[in-house]
Amino acid sequence: MYANIELFVKLVSEDFKKIPTRLRHDNLTREQRRALNELKSLRGVVIKPADKGGNVVVWPTTLYEKEAMRQLRDTTCYRRLSFNPTSVFQAELCEILEDAFQQGFISKEIKEGLIPASPRTPCLYLLPKVHKDLVSPPGRPIVSGNGSLNEMTGKFLDFYLRPSVESLPSYLKDTGDVLRKLEHVNLEEDMWLVTMDIEALYTSIRHHDGLHAVNSFLCMTTMDHGFILFLLCLLEFSLTHNFFIFNDALYLQLQGTAMWAAFAPSYANLFLGLWERDIFCTNPTPLSTKMIFWVRYIDDVLAIWQGSEEDLVSFIRELNQNNINLKLTYHYSRTTVDFLDVCISKDGKGLLHTEIHRKDTAVNSLLHASSAHPKALKNSIPVGQFMRTRRVCSDEASFVEQAQDLATRFEERGYSERAIRHGWRRASRMSRNDLLHSARKRTSSTQVRFISTFNNNIHG
């Protein structure tokens, strides 16, 4: 079987070599090409995409390395290694997988597929968070783990963790999920819109806390107990054997999980899911009962509080007094909050309205019309973007206003008036309700389980 795959890869690779690499025309202006050449010749800088907003950041190498070392010197999270542990770690992984194979938990093909023949050493890099600080941005640590020892085991773990995540009461799949949850919500006079962010979630989860949470949810499934123990063993290995290189130095991550790991979002979601179950169901407090709506997209929380401002602040202070290393920042308002890419506001009657939210640092990153991408793909972009605007905007007036802004941004990127008009008209003919709920029907056909809030008594 593997010989057939190798032959296929060889034939496809040969076909790729025959494809002309030279573009039929140069879609860069003289000024753009000069600017690129100047950037290439710069020394002492690191060029990275911004963490959010679509910017490209030219980061002085001294500041980039200073930020990286600030994080790597945190001895609770990282330890410097004196040798490359790949061969030792690979032997340990082989032993775990061989034992699982002997017990019948995995097939021989899966066992062999989870062990890379020649694993590469993962590399750490940072994405600048210019939306938080334009001058000295903090960096989001990313470990490039393609082809690494833990790449395939991460995907294997995520396959078995994800169903438990999708059954969480707070789980949000995407922006459309948020919009559907808010569609018929009415806010009374004593209610507050609240957003919260869990700081540095991935690197904050202590291994024993995360493993305990995952075990709690896996034991609620129909999985064989022995298989659950194997998954936990493999998860513990992935967490405790996450190493990488930065500036020719090797480090081992001691706490949390690498952001590149395929299982990381599911792992973090289950960790927070157990915390939520504790504060809302297992050990609720008088204050927690006033949080009548609570949904979450990984580390971003959207909630509705019914009560006084003083009690709300006390409740969040209560949440921050935990023994699982969580720290929450928050924002609340009677009228308007931003959550993900949505601006949520309340009108005089208590109804919620939504429109697209763009960060102050966001740039016009729409694909340029002169790009060498296929014409069909470029023609579909205005349609898709106007449809998204139609879906997010809850009323006609905000759709028209934001569609005009979108049209201007498409003009700046070289799109024809005809292409822009076609996308706008197609979106205008669509019912927002159909756009919201047709997407739900498509995903439900793949047996995705949707969330419900902890308390539904605010829905009209």
Protein backbone atom coordinates (compact mmCIF):
# COMPACT_ATOMS: atom_id res chain seq x y z
CA MET A 1 0.00 0.00 0.00
CA TYR A 2 2.77 2.45 0.92
CA ALA A 3 4.57 1.70 -2.37
CA ASN A 4 1.44 2.82 -4.25
CA ILE A 5 1.33 6.04 -2.26
CA GLU A 6 5.01 6.72 -2.92
CA LEU A 7 4.46 6.16 -6.65
CA PHE A 8 1.49 8.54 -6.61
CA VAL A 9 3.54 11.24 -4.82
CA LYS A 10 6.37 10.79 -7.31
CA LEU A 11 4.08 11.13 -10.34
CA VAL A 12 2.32 14.21 -8.93
CA SER A 13 5.68 15.80 -8.07
CA GLU A 14 6.89 15.27 -11.63
CA ASP A 15 3.71 16.89 -12.98
CA PHE A 16 4.26 19.90 -10.71
CA LYS A 17 7.75 20.35 -12.12
CA LYS A 18 6.26 20.67 -15.60
CA ILE A 19 4.02 23.60 -14.60
CA PRO A 20 5.50 26.93 -15.75
CA THR A 21 6.58 28.93 -12.73
CA ARG A 22 6.80 32.23 -14.60
CA LEU A 23 3.67 34.38 -14.51
CA ARG A 24 2.21 35.53 -17.79
CA HIS A 25 2.33 39.07 -16.50
CA ASP A 26 3.83 40.82 -13.53
CA ASN A 27 1.04 42.03 -11.25
CA LEU A 28 3.37 44.18 -9.12
CA THR A 29 3.87 47.85 -9.81
CA ARG A 30 7.38 49.25 -10.05
CA GLU A 31 6.92 50.95 -6.68
CA GLN A 32 5.74 47.71 -5.05
CA ARG A 33 8.67 45.76 -6.43
CA ARG A 34 11.09 48.43 -5.24
CA ALA A 35 9.53 48.34 -1.78
CA LEU A 36 9.84 44.53 -1.63
CA ASN A 37 13.48 44.67 -2.65
CA GLU A 38 14.15 47.27 0.02
CA LEU A 39 12.47 45.08 2.63
CA LYS A 40 14.54 42.08 1.51
CA SER A 41 17.72 44.07 1.92
CA LEU A 42 16.90 45.23 5.44
CA ARG A 43 19.07 43.82 8.19
CA GLY A 44 18.16 43.62 11.86
CA VAL A 45 14.43 43.17 11.36
CA VAL A 46 11.94 40.31 11.49
CA ILE A 47 8.92 40.52 9.18
CA LYS A 48 5.82 38.78 10.52
CA PRO A 49 2.05 38.90 9.93
CA ALA A 50 0.21 40.58 12.78
CA ASP A 51 -1.64 38.30 15.16
CA LYS A 52 -4.93 39.96 14.10
CA GLY A 53 -6.02 42.56 11.58
CA GLY A 54 -4.16 41.49 8.44
CA ASN A 55 -1.15 43.79 8.94
CA VAL A 56 2.44 42.95 8.07
CA VAL A 57 4.76 44.04 10.87
CA VAL A 58 8.42 44.96 10.47
CA TRP A 59 9.73 44.11 13.92
CA PRO A 60 13.27 45.06 14.99
CA THR A 61 15.15 41.83 15.71
CA THR A 62 16.29 43.12 19.09
CA LEU A 63 12.69 43.72 20.21
CA TYR A 64 11.51 40.42 18.70
CA GLU A 65 14.18 38.43 20.53
CA LYS A 66 13.66 40.43 23.72
CA GLU A 67 9.95 39.53 23.71
CA ALA A 68 10.71 35.87 22.98
CA MET A 69 13.25 35.66 25.79
CA ARG A 70 10.87 37.42 28.18
CA GLN A 71 8.49 34.52 27.68
CA LEU A 72 11.11 31.77 27.58
CA ARG A 73 12.64 32.92 30.88
CA ASP A 74 9.39 32.03 32.61
CA THR A 75 10.62 28.91 34.38
CA THR A 76 7.09 27.77 35.20
CA CYS A 77 6.42 27.33 31.48
CA TYR A 78 9.78 26.53 29.84
CA ARG A 79 13.10 24.83 30.56
CA ARG A 80 16.18 25.02 28.39
CA LEU A 81 17.53 21.67 27.20
CA SER A 82 21.17 20.71 26.81
CA PHE A 83 20.57 18.15 24.03
CA ASN A 84 18.12 17.31 21.26
CA PRO A 85 15.70 14.76 22.76
CA THR A 86 14.09 13.61 19.50
CA SER A 87 15.47 10.06 19.49
CA VAL A 88 14.74 9.51 23.19
CA PHE A 89 11.21 10.88 22.91
CA GLN A 90 10.56 8.89 19.74
CA ALA A 91 11.50 5.67 21.53
CA GLU A 92 9.07 6.51 24.34
CA LEU A 93 6.27 7.19 21.86
CA CYS A 94 6.95 3.92 20.04
CA GLU A 95 6.64 2.08 23.35
CA ILE A 96 3.27 3.70 24.13
CA LEU A 97 1.89 2.94 20.67
CA GLU A 98 3.22 -0.61 20.66
CA ASP A 99 1.50 -1.28 23.96
CA ALA A 100 -1.78 0.13 22.58
CA PHE A 101 -1.43 -2.04 19.49
CA GLN A 102 -0.82 -5.18 21.59
CA GLN A 103 -3.96 -4.42 23.60
CA GLY A 104 -5.99 -3.99 20.40
CA PHE A 105 -6.71 -0.27 20.84
CA ILE A 106 -5.12 0.72 17.50
CA SER A 107 -4.32 -1.10 14.28
CA LYS A 108 -0.85 -1.66 12.89
CA GLU A 109 -1.50 0.95 10.18
CA ILE A 110 -2.49 3.58 12.75
CA LYS A 111 0.50 2.74 14.92
CA GLU A 112 2.89 3.21 12.00
CA GLY A 113 1.09 6.34 10.81
CA LEU A 114 1.47 8.04 14.20
CA ILE A 115 5.27 7.74 14.17
CA PRO A 116 7.14 9.94 11.65
CA ALA A 117 10.17 8.26 10.09
CA SER A 118 12.38 11.36 10.29
CA PRO A 119 10.77 13.90 12.64
CA ARG A 120 11.97 17.47 12.37
CA THR A 121 12.60 19.72 15.35
CA PRO A 122 9.75 22.22 15.88
CA CYS A 123 10.62 25.94 15.78
CA LEU A 124 9.20 28.75 17.91
CA TYR A 125 8.21 32.09 16.40
CA LEU A 126 6.08 35.00 17.58
CA LEU A 127 3.17 36.86 16.00
CA PRO A 128 3.07 40.52 17.13
CA LYS A 129 -0.15 41.60 18.86
CA VAL A 130 -0.19 45.13 17.48
CA HIS A 131 -3.89 45.43 18.38
CA LYS A 132 -2.72 45.54 22.01
CA ASP A 133 0.40 47.71 21.67
CA LEU A 134 1.68 49.35 18.49
CA VAL A 135 5.06 50.34 19.91
CA SER A 136 6.11 47.28 21.95
CA PRO A 137 3.66 44.56 20.99
CA PRO A 138 3.52 41.36 23.00
CA GLY A 139 4.04 38.23 20.91
CA ARG A 140 1.77 35.24 20.54
CA PRO A 141 4.04 32.16 20.74
CA ILE A 142 3.54 29.73 17.86
CA VAL A 143 5.43 26.48 17.47
CA SER A 144 5.81 25.30 13.89
CA GLY A 145 5.37 21.57 14.31
CA ASN A 146 4.76 20.29 10.78
CA GLY A 147 6.58 16.99 10.39
CA SER A 148 7.45 16.90 14.09
CA LEU A 149 7.25 13.94 16.44
CA ASN A 150 3.88 15.00 17.90
CA GLU A 151 2.11 16.21 14.76
CA MET A 152 0.10 13.08 13.93
CA THR A 153 -0.60 12.11 17.55
CA GLY A 154 -2.11 15.59 17.99
CA LYS A 155 -4.54 14.99 15.13
CA PHE A 156 -5.38 11.54 16.50
CA LEU A 157 -6.17 12.99 19.94
CA ASP A 158 -8.26 15.81 18.52
CA PHE A 159 -10.45 13.30 16.64
CA TYR A 160 -11.51 11.75 19.96
CA LEU A 161 -11.69 14.96 22.05
CA ARG A 162 -13.71 17.11 19.67
CA PRO A 163 -17.12 15.40 20.14
CA SER A 164 -16.98 16.15 23.88
CA VAL A 165 -16.17 19.79 23.08
CA GLU A 166 -19.15 20.14 20.75
CA SER A 167 -21.48 18.90 23.51
CA LEU A 168 -20.40 21.60 25.99
CA PRO A 169 -23.25 23.97 26.99
CA SER A 170 -21.04 26.98 26.25
CA TYR A 171 -19.58 25.79 22.93
CA LEU A 172 -19.57 28.20 19.98
CA LYS A 173 -18.65 26.85 16.58
CA ASP A 174 -18.32 30.17 14.73
CA THR A 175 -19.78 33.66 14.24
CA GLY A 176 -22.98 32.24 12.75
CA ASP A 177 -23.51 30.32 15.97
CA VAL A 178 -23.25 33.57 17.94
CA LEU A 179 -25.79 35.27 15.70
CA ARG A 180 -28.30 32.46 16.00
CA LYS A 181 -28.01 32.50 19.79
CA LEU A 182 -28.67 36.25 19.92
CA GLU A 183 -31.42 36.30 17.33
CA HIS A 184 -34.38 36.55 19.74
CA VAL A 185 -32.71 37.88 22.89
CA ASN A 186 -34.30 40.81 24.71
CA LEU A 187 -32.38 42.78 27.33
CA GLU A 188 -34.25 44.18 30.32
CA GLU A 189 -33.23 47.35 32.12
CA ASP A 190 -31.14 45.55 34.75
CA MET A 191 -29.14 43.46 32.26
CA TRP A 192 -25.55 43.98 31.13
CA LEU A 193 -23.70 42.78 28.07
CA VAL A 194 -20.38 41.27 29.15
CA THR A 195 -17.30 40.05 27.28
CA MET A 196 -14.38 38.27 28.92
CA ASP A 197 -11.02 37.01 27.76
CA ILE A 198 -8.94 34.30 29.43
CA GLU A 199 -5.37 35.54 29.33
CA ALA A 200 -2.64 33.29 27.86
CA LEU A 201 -4.96 30.29 28.08
CA TYR A 202 -2.83 27.74 26.24
CA THR A 203 0.26 28.31 28.36
CA SER A 204 -1.68 28.65 31.64
CA ILE A 205 -3.15 25.15 31.87
CA ARG A 206 -1.23 23.00 34.31
CA HIS A 207 -0.90 19.45 32.99
CA HIS A 208 -2.67 17.73 35.88
CA ASP A 209 -5.61 20.15 35.65
CA GLY A 210 -5.98 19.66 31.90
CA LEU A 211 -5.69 15.85 32.12
CA HIS A 212 -8.26 15.77 34.92
CA ALA A 213 -10.72 17.77 32.80
CA VAL A 214 -10.24 15.58 29.74
CA ASN A 215 -10.66 12.43 31.82
CA SER A 216 -13.90 13.78 33.32
CA PHE A 217 -15.46 14.28 29.91
CA LEU A 218 -14.14 11.10 28.26
CA CYS A 219 -15.61 9.05 31.12
CA MET A 220 -19.02 10.43 30.16
CA THR A 221 -18.73 8.87 26.69
CA THR A 222 -19.27 5.28 25.61
CA MET A 223 -15.54 4.73 25.04
CA ASP A 224 -13.90 1.63 26.49
CA HIS A 225 -12.15 2.40 29.79
CA GLY A 226 -8.88 0.93 28.58
CA PHE A 227 -8.99 3.06 25.43
CA ILE A 228 -9.60 6.17 27.55
CA LEU A 229 -6.50 5.35 29.59
CA PHE A 230 -4.52 5.01 26.35
CA LEU A 231 -5.78 8.43 25.13
CA LEU A 232 -4.83 10.01 28.45
CA CYS A 233 -1.38 8.41 28.28
CA LEU A 234 -0.88 9.71 24.74
CA LEU A 235 -2.15 13.16 25.75
CA GLU A 236 0.21 13.30 28.73
CA PHE A 237 3.09 12.33 26.47
CA SER A 238 2.20 15.09 23.98
CA LEU A 239 2.00 17.68 26.76
CA THR A 240 5.18 16.71 28.56
CA HIS A 241 7.29 16.09 25.43
CA ASN A 242 6.63 19.34 23.63
CA PHE A 243 10.04 20.77 22.74
CA PHE A 244 11.21 23.33 20.18
CA ILE A 245 14.17 25.40 19.05
CA PHE A 246 14.63 29.17 19.14
CA ASN A 247 17.87 30.94 18.16
CA ASP A 248 19.76 27.62 18.16
CA ALA A 249 18.65 26.84 21.74
CA LEU A 250 16.31 23.97 22.61
CA TYR A 251 13.45 24.33 25.12
CA LEU A 252 10.90 22.05 26.73
CA GLN A 253 7.44 23.41 27.54
CA LEU A 254 6.59 22.58 31.17
CA GLN A 255 3.07 23.99 31.38
CA GLY A 256 0.21 24.36 28.94
CA THR A 257 0.15 23.23 25.34
CA ALA A 258 1.72 24.47 22.13
CA MET A 259 -0.56 26.59 20.00
CA TRP A 260 0.28 24.58 16.88
CA ALA A 261 -0.93 21.26 18.33
CA ALA A 262 -4.07 19.97 16.59
CA PHE A 263 -5.62 18.94 19.90
CA ALA A 264 -4.85 22.25 21.66
CA PRO A 265 -8.25 23.96 21.03
CA SER A 266 -10.19 20.87 22.13
CA TYR A 267 -7.93 20.40 25.17
CA ALA A 268 -8.38 24.05 26.23
CA ASN A 269 -12.13 23.88 25.61
CA LEU A 270 -12.57 20.84 27.84
CA PHE A 271 -10.41 22.40 30.55
CA LEU A 272 -12.67 25.47 30.58
CA GLY A 273 -15.77 23.30 30.19
CA LEU A 274 -15.06 21.57 33.50
CA TRP A 275 -14.44 24.96 35.14
CA GLU A 276 -17.78 26.23 33.79
CA ARG A 277 -19.58 23.11 35.00
CA ASP A 278 -18.19 23.74 38.46
CA ILE A 279 -19.16 27.43 38.69
CA PHE A 280 -22.62 27.08 37.13
CA CYS A 281 -23.77 23.55 37.99
CA THR A 282 -21.69 21.69 40.58
CA ASN A 283 -20.85 24.54 42.96
CA PRO A 284 -22.98 27.56 41.98
CA THR A 285 -22.88 30.67 44.14
CA PRO A 286 -25.63 33.25 44.68
CA LEU A 287 -23.82 35.51 42.22
CA SER A 288 -23.38 32.87 39.49
CA THR A 289 -27.16 32.50 39.18
CA LYS A 290 -27.30 36.09 37.90
CA MET A 291 -25.24 35.15 34.82
CA ILE A 292 -28.21 34.17 32.69
CA PHE A 293 -26.42 33.74 29.36
CA TRP A 294 -22.90 32.42 28.77
CA VAL A 295 -21.30 31.23 25.54
CA ARG A 296 -17.64 30.88 24.65
CA TYR A 297 -15.37 30.64 21.62
CA ILE A 298 -12.25 28.99 23.08
CA ASP A 299 -10.94 31.79 25.37
CA ASP A 300 -13.48 34.51 24.47
CA VAL A 301 -16.68 34.66 26.53
CA LEU A 302 -19.93 36.47 25.73
CA ALA A 303 -22.37 36.71 28.62
CA ILE A 304 -25.45 38.55 29.86
CA TRP A 305 -25.67 39.54 33.52
CA GLN A 306 -28.89 40.41 35.30
CA GLY A 307 -28.17 42.43 38.40
CA SER A 308 -26.17 45.36 39.70
CA GLU A 309 -22.84 46.53 38.37
CA GLU A 310 -21.28 46.01 41.80
CA ASP A 311 -22.38 42.36 41.87
CA LEU A 312 -21.06 41.81 38.34
CA VAL A 313 -17.61 43.10 39.30
CA SER A 314 -17.71 40.97 42.45
CA PHE A 315 -18.60 37.88 40.41
CA ILE A 316 -15.71 38.38 37.99
CA ARG A 317 -13.39 38.97 40.95
CA GLU A 318 -14.74 35.69 42.32
CA LEU A 319 -13.93 33.94 39.05
CA ASN A 320 -10.38 35.27 39.16
CA GLN A 321 -9.90 33.77 42.64
CA ASN A 322 -9.41 30.24 41.39
CA ASN A 323 -6.90 27.45 41.95
CA ILE A 324 -6.51 26.48 38.28
CA ASN A 325 -4.30 29.37 37.17
CA LEU A 326 -6.94 31.33 35.22
CA LYS A 327 -7.00 35.10 34.85
CA LEU A 328 -9.86 36.90 33.13
CA THR A 329 -10.00 40.39 31.70
CA TYR A 330 -13.43 41.82 31.01
CA HIS A 331 -15.58 44.57 29.56
CA TYR A 332 -19.25 45.27 30.18
CA SER A 333 -21.85 47.72 28.94
CA ARG A 334 -25.58 48.38 29.01
CA THR A 335 -25.56 49.12 25.31
CA THR A 336 -22.62 47.87 23.18
CA VAL A 337 -19.86 45.25 23.21
CA ASP A 338 -17.60 43.72 20.57
CA PHE A 339 -17.28 39.95 20.38
CA LEU A 340 -15.16 38.16 17.77
CA ASP A 341 -15.97 40.00 14.50
CA VAL A 342 -19.41 41.20 15.66
CA CYS A 343 -20.48 44.47 17.26
CA ILE A 344 -23.51 43.79 19.49
CA SER A 345 -25.72 46.69 20.57
CA LYS A 346 -29.08 47.17 22.32
CA ASP A 347 -31.84 49.46 21.10
CA GLY A 348 -34.41 51.34 23.18
CA LYS A 349 -36.75 48.34 23.25
CA GLY A 350 -34.10 45.94 24.52
CA LEU A 351 -33.62 44.16 21.21
CA LEU A 352 -30.08 43.24 20.21
CA HIS A 353 -28.64 44.40 16.90
CA THR A 354 -25.47 43.09 15.26
CA GLU A 355 -23.08 44.34 12.61
CA ILE A 356 -19.51 43.61 11.56
CA HIS A 357 -16.77 44.74 13.92
CA ARG A 358 -13.30 45.57 12.56
CA LYS A 359 -10.40 46.30 14.90
CA ASP A 360 -8.78 49.74 14.72
CA THR A 361 -5.57 48.13 13.47
CA ALA A 362 -7.32 46.13 10.73
CA VAL A 363 -6.19 46.84 7.16
CA ASN A 364 -7.80 46.26 3.79
CA SER A 365 -6.52 42.73 3.21
CA LEU A 366 -8.98 41.69 0.52
CA LEU A 367 -7.28 39.76 -2.28
CA HIS A 368 -6.24 42.23 -4.99
CA ALA A 369 -8.07 41.96 -8.31
CA SER A 370 -4.75 41.83 -10.19
CA SER A 371 -3.67 38.73 -8.27
CA ALA A 372 -2.68 35.69 -10.30
CA HIS A 373 -5.38 33.60 -8.58
CA PRO A 374 -7.98 31.93 -10.85
CA LYS A 375 -10.59 34.32 -12.17
CA ALA A 376 -13.48 32.24 -10.82
CA LEU A 377 -12.03 32.47 -7.33
CA LYS A 378 -11.62 36.25 -7.53
CA ASN A 379 -15.18 36.65 -8.85
CA SER A 380 -16.53 34.69 -5.90
CA ILE A 381 -14.89 36.91 -3.27
CA PRO A 382 -17.27 39.92 -3.54
CA VAL A 383 -20.24 37.56 -3.43
CA GLY A 384 -18.95 35.81 -0.33
CA GLN A 385 -18.04 39.02 1.49
CA PHE A 386 -21.37 40.72 0.78
CA MET A 387 -23.18 37.55 1.89
CA ARG A 388 -21.20 37.62 5.14
CA THR A 389 -22.16 41.26 5.65
CA ARG A 390 -25.81 40.41 5.02
CA ARG A 391 -25.67 37.55 7.52
CA VAL A 392 -24.00 39.55 10.31
CA CYS A 393 -26.01 42.78 9.98
CA SER A 394 -29.32 42.34 11.76
CA ASP A 395 -31.17 45.19 10.03
CA GLU A 396 -31.34 46.67 6.55
CA ALA A 397 -29.91 50.07 7.46
CA SER A 398 -26.69 48.62 8.94
CA PHE A 399 -26.35 46.24 5.98
CA VAL A 400 -26.53 49.11 3.49
CA GLU A 401 -24.03 51.18 5.49
CA GLN A 402 -21.53 48.36 5.85
CA ALA A 403 -22.05 47.16 2.29
CA GLN A 404 -21.07 50.63 1.10
CA ASP A 405 -17.91 50.48 3.19
CA LEU A 406 -17.17 47.03 1.77
CA ALA A 407 -17.73 48.30 -1.78
CA THR A 408 -15.18 51.07 -1.14
CA ARG A 409 -12.63 48.56 0.09
CA PHE A 410 -13.18 46.40 -3.00
CA GLU A 411 -12.66 49.47 -5.21
CA GLU A 412 -9.36 50.14 -3.41
CA ARG A 413 -8.30 46.60 -4.29
CA GLY A 414 -8.97 47.04 -7.99
CA TYR A 415 -12.31 45.23 -8.40
CA SER A 416 -14.61 46.33 -11.20
CA GLU A 417 -17.86 48.12 -10.52
CA ARG A 418 -19.66 45.22 -12.21
CA ALA A 419 -18.15 42.59 -9.85
CA ILE A 420 -18.95 44.71 -6.79
CA ARG A 421 -22.49 45.40 -7.93
CA HIS A 422 -23.07 41.71 -8.69
CA GLY A 423 -21.98 40.67 -5.18
CA TRP A 424 -24.06 43.39 -3.52
CA ARG A 425 -27.19 42.52 -5.51
CA ARG A 426 -26.90 38.80 -4.81
CA ALA A 427 -26.62 39.45 -1.08
CA SER A 428 -29.49 41.95 -1.15
CA ARG A 429 -31.81 39.36 -2.67
CA MET A 430 -31.07 36.87 0.11
CA SER A 431 -33.04 36.70 3.34
CA ARG A 432 -30.82 37.11 6.39
CA ASN A 433 -32.84 34.41 8.11
CA ASP A 434 -32.13 32.01 5.25
CA LEU A 435 -28.42 32.82 5.34
CA LEU A 436 -28.27 32.19 9.09
CA HIS A 437 -30.24 28.99 9.20
CA SER A 438 -29.29 27.39 5.90
CA ALA A 439 -25.71 27.29 7.21
CA ARG A 440 -27.02 25.59 10.32
CA LYS A 441 -28.83 22.95 8.28
CA ARG A 442 -25.68 22.21 6.28
CA THR A 443 -23.56 21.68 9.39
CA SER A 444 -26.23 19.69 11.22
CA SER A 445 -26.26 17.22 8.35
CA THR A 446 -22.73 16.29 9.43
CA GLN A 447 -24.04 15.56 12.96
CA VAL A 448 -22.49 18.61 14.58
CA ARG A 449 -24.12 19.19 17.96
CA PHE A 450 -25.03 22.79 18.70
CA ILE A 451 -24.92 24.54 22.03
CA SER A 452 -27.60 25.78 24.33
CA THR A 453 -27.10 28.45 26.96
CA PHE A 454 -27.07 27.63 30.64
CA ASN A 455 -30.34 29.47 31.05
CA ASN A 456 -32.80 30.21 28.26
CA ASN A 457 -35.30 32.35 30.12
CA ILE A 458 -34.21 35.57 28.43
CA HIS A 459 -35.27 34.47 24.96
CA GLY A 460 -38.36 36.13 23.63
